[in-house]
Amino acid sequence: MLHDRVLVRQDGGEGERRSSAGIVIPATASVGRRLSWATAVGIGPNVRSIIVGDRVLFDPDDRSEVELHGREYVLLRERDVHAVAASRVESDGTGLYL
């Protein structure tokens, strides 16, 4: 991995899902702009706020897909990540940096 790149593997598929009430929503259902969760499996040397194993939230429309050893991954820049779900992240921090 180079520079500020993050290699992630998406947690769930793009298939059907269930609402909190148990209603099945088919994969073909039209929804608004929806962000996706993924797990970081590789990071570049200049990534500052993500480590391997973190769950990250990103926009699936702004992604580059790559296949390695028969598995599908997504290549992102660190700035394209909207949130990081990890126990080490401080709750009082703003998460902003330049």
C-alpha atoms as a PDB file:
ATOM      1  CA  MET A   1       0.000   0.000   0.000  1.00  0.00           C
ATOM      2  CA  LEU A   2       1.256   3.461  -0.867  1.00  0.00           C
ATOM      3  CA  HIS A   3       0.772   6.894   0.699  1.00  0.00           C
ATOM      4  CA  ASP A   4      -2.676   7.447   2.262  1.00  0.00           C
ATOM      5  CA  ARG A   5      -4.427   4.439   0.722  1.00  0.00           C
ATOM      6  CA  VAL A   6      -6.674   2.073   2.673  1.00  0.00           C
ATOM      7  CA  LEU A   7      -7.602  -1.398   1.386  1.00  0.00           C
ATOM      8  CA  VAL A   8     -10.941  -2.577   2.773  1.00  0.00           C
ATOM      9  CA  ARG A   9     -13.164  -5.640   2.507  1.00  0.00           C
ATOM     10  CA  GLN A  10     -16.889  -4.984   2.635  1.00  0.00           C
ATOM     11  CA  ASP A  11     -18.658  -6.641   5.557  1.00  0.00           C
ATOM     12  CA  GLY A  12     -21.978  -7.546   4.002  1.00  0.00           C
ATOM     13  CA  GLY A  13     -23.021  -8.242   0.490  1.00  0.00           C
ATOM     14  CA  GLU A  14     -24.991  -6.001  -1.782  1.00  0.00           C
ATOM     15  CA  GLY A  15     -27.848  -8.493  -1.565  1.00  0.00           C
ATOM     16  CA  GLU A  16     -31.133  -8.283   0.225  1.00  0.00           C
ATOM     17  CA  ARG A  17     -31.290  -7.065   3.805  1.00  0.00           C
ATOM     18  CA  ARG A  18     -33.838  -6.882   6.612  1.00  0.00           C
ATOM     19  CA  SER A  19     -35.301  -3.846   8.308  1.00  0.00           C
ATOM     20  CA  SER A  20     -35.415  -3.626  12.108  1.00  0.00           C
ATOM     21  CA  ALA A  21     -39.054  -4.800  11.899  1.00  0.00           C
ATOM     22  CA  GLY A  22     -38.010  -7.916   9.952  1.00  0.00           C
ATOM     23  CA  ILE A  23     -39.220  -6.809   6.516  1.00  0.00           C
ATOM     24  CA  VAL A  24     -37.034  -8.166   3.700  1.00  0.00           C
ATOM     25  CA  ILE A  25     -35.717  -5.410   1.409  1.00  0.00           C
ATOM     26  CA  PRO A  26     -34.613  -6.822  -1.971  1.00  0.00           C
ATOM     27  CA  ALA A  27     -31.252  -5.891  -3.483  1.00  0.00           C
ATOM     28  CA  THR A  28     -33.039  -4.223  -6.395  1.00  0.00           C
ATOM     29  CA  ALA A  29     -34.931  -1.790  -4.135  1.00  0.00           C
ATOM     30  CA  SER A  30     -34.130   1.825  -4.882  1.00  0.00           C
ATOM     31  CA  VAL A  31     -32.727   3.639  -1.857  1.00  0.00           C
ATOM     32  CA  GLY A  32     -31.175   7.038  -1.426  1.00  0.00           C
ATOM     33  CA  ARG A  33     -27.476   7.604  -1.131  1.00  0.00           C
ATOM     34  CA  ARG A  34     -26.312   5.026   1.383  1.00  0.00           C
ATOM     35  CA  LEU A  35     -22.893   4.686   3.014  1.00  0.00           C
ATOM     36  CA  SER A  36     -21.261   1.267   3.520  1.00  0.00           C
ATOM     37  CA  TRP A  37     -19.251  -0.340   6.308  1.00  0.00           C
ATOM     38  CA  ALA A  38     -16.056  -2.262   5.596  1.00  0.00           C
ATOM     39  CA  THR A  39     -13.064  -3.673   7.476  1.00  0.00           C
ATOM     40  CA  ALA A  40      -9.575  -2.286   6.834  1.00  0.00           C
ATOM     41  CA  VAL A  41      -7.216  -5.069   5.734  1.00  0.00           C
ATOM     42  CA  GLY A  42      -4.251  -2.949   4.606  1.00  0.00           C
ATOM     43  CA  ILE A  43      -3.055   0.623   5.056  1.00  0.00           C
ATOM     44  CA  GLY A  44      -0.365   2.826   3.544  1.00  0.00           C
ATOM     45  CA  PRO A  45       2.477   4.397   5.568  1.00  0.00           C
ATOM     46  CA  ASN A  46       0.850   7.861   5.673  1.00  0.00           C
ATOM     47  CA  VAL A  47      -2.526   6.774   7.102  1.00  0.00           C
ATOM     48  CA  ARG A  48      -2.929   8.398  10.523  1.00  0.00           C
ATOM     49  CA  SER A  49      -6.285   7.442  12.018  1.00  0.00           C
ATOM     50  CA  ILE A  50      -6.977   3.902  10.779  1.00  0.00           C
ATOM     51  CA  ILE A  51      -5.276   0.628  11.664  1.00  0.00           C
ATOM     52  CA  VAL A  52      -5.780  -2.827  10.188  1.00  0.00           C
ATOM     53  CA  GLY A  53      -8.947  -4.372  11.612  1.00  0.00           C
ATOM     54  CA  ASP A  54     -10.875  -1.097  12.067  1.00  0.00           C
ATOM     55  CA  ARG A  55     -14.385  -0.805  10.647  1.00  0.00           C
ATOM     56  CA  VAL A  56     -14.696   2.208   8.366  1.00  0.00           C
ATOM     57  CA  LEU A  57     -17.682   3.996   6.818  1.00  0.00           C
ATOM     58  CA  PHE A  58     -17.355   5.172   3.213  1.00  0.00           C
ATOM     59  CA  ASP A  59     -19.401   6.181   0.178  1.00  0.00           C
ATOM     60  CA  PRO A  60     -19.683   3.161  -2.150  1.00  0.00           C
ATOM     61  CA  ASP A  61     -20.079   5.447  -5.183  1.00  0.00           C
ATOM     62  CA  ASP A  62     -16.536   6.836  -4.714  1.00  0.00           C
ATOM     63  CA  ARG A  63     -14.513   3.651  -4.760  1.00  0.00           C
ATOM     64  CA  SER A  64     -12.030   1.656  -6.781  1.00  0.00           C
ATOM     65  CA  GLU A  65     -12.583  -2.090  -6.735  1.00  0.00           C
ATOM     66  CA  VAL A  66      -9.739  -4.579  -6.977  1.00  0.00           C
ATOM     67  CA  GLU A  67      -9.614  -8.368  -6.922  1.00  0.00           C
ATOM     68  CA  LEU A  68      -6.755 -10.085  -5.080  1.00  0.00           C
ATOM     69  CA  HIS A  69      -6.460 -13.873  -4.843  1.00  0.00           C
ATOM     70  CA  GLY A  70     -10.101 -14.270  -5.857  1.00  0.00           C
ATOM     71  CA  ARG A  71     -11.493 -11.863  -3.220  1.00  0.00           C
ATOM     72  CA  GLU A  72     -13.032  -8.468  -3.901  1.00  0.00           C
ATOM     73  CA  TYR A  73     -11.596  -5.426  -2.096  1.00  0.00           C
ATOM     74  CA  VAL A  74     -12.115  -1.673  -2.281  1.00  0.00           C
ATOM     75  CA  LEU A  75      -9.225   0.795  -2.443  1.00  0.00           C
ATOM     76  CA  LEU A  76      -9.855   4.176  -0.777  1.00  0.00           C
ATOM     77  CA  ARG A  77      -7.943   7.261   0.242  1.00  0.00           C
ATOM     78  CA  GLU A  78      -8.004   8.030   3.950  1.00  0.00           C
ATOM     79  CA  ARG A  79      -9.825  11.291   3.243  1.00  0.00           C
ATOM     80  CA  ASP A  80     -12.698   9.311   1.629  1.00  0.00           C
ATOM     81  CA  VAL A  81     -13.437   7.555   4.931  1.00  0.00           C
ATOM     82  CA  HIS A  82     -16.327   9.204   6.804  1.00  0.00           C
ATOM     83  CA  ALA A  83     -16.000   7.406  10.158  1.00  0.00           C
ATOM     84  CA  VAL A  84     -13.923   4.834  12.033  1.00  0.00           C
ATOM     85  CA  ALA A  85     -15.554   2.430  14.493  1.00  0.00           C
ATOM     86  CA  ALA A  86     -12.867   1.378  16.969  1.00  0.00           C
ATOM     87  CA  SER A  87     -12.692   1.249  20.755  1.00  0.00           C
ATOM     88  CA  ARG A  88      -9.460   3.307  20.791  1.00  0.00           C
ATOM     89  CA  VAL A  89     -11.135   6.338  19.114  1.00  0.00           C
ATOM     90  CA  GLU A  90     -11.720   9.119  21.636  1.00  0.00           C
ATOM     91  CA  SER A  91     -15.342  10.160  22.054  1.00  0.00           C
ATOM     92  CA  ASP A  92     -14.498  13.830  22.702  1.00  0.00           C
ATOM     93  CA  GLY A  93     -12.292  14.285  19.626  1.00  0.00           C
ATOM     94  CA  THR A  94     -13.541  16.118  16.574  1.00  0.00           C
ATOM     95  CA  GLY A  95     -11.908  13.768  14.076  1.00  0.00           C
ATOM     96  CA  LEU A  96     -10.855  16.724  11.948  1.00  0.00           C
ATOM     97  CA  TYR A  97      -7.361  17.233  10.644  1.00  0.00           C
ATOM     98  CA  LEU A  98      -5.672  19.027   7.762  1.00  0.00           C
END
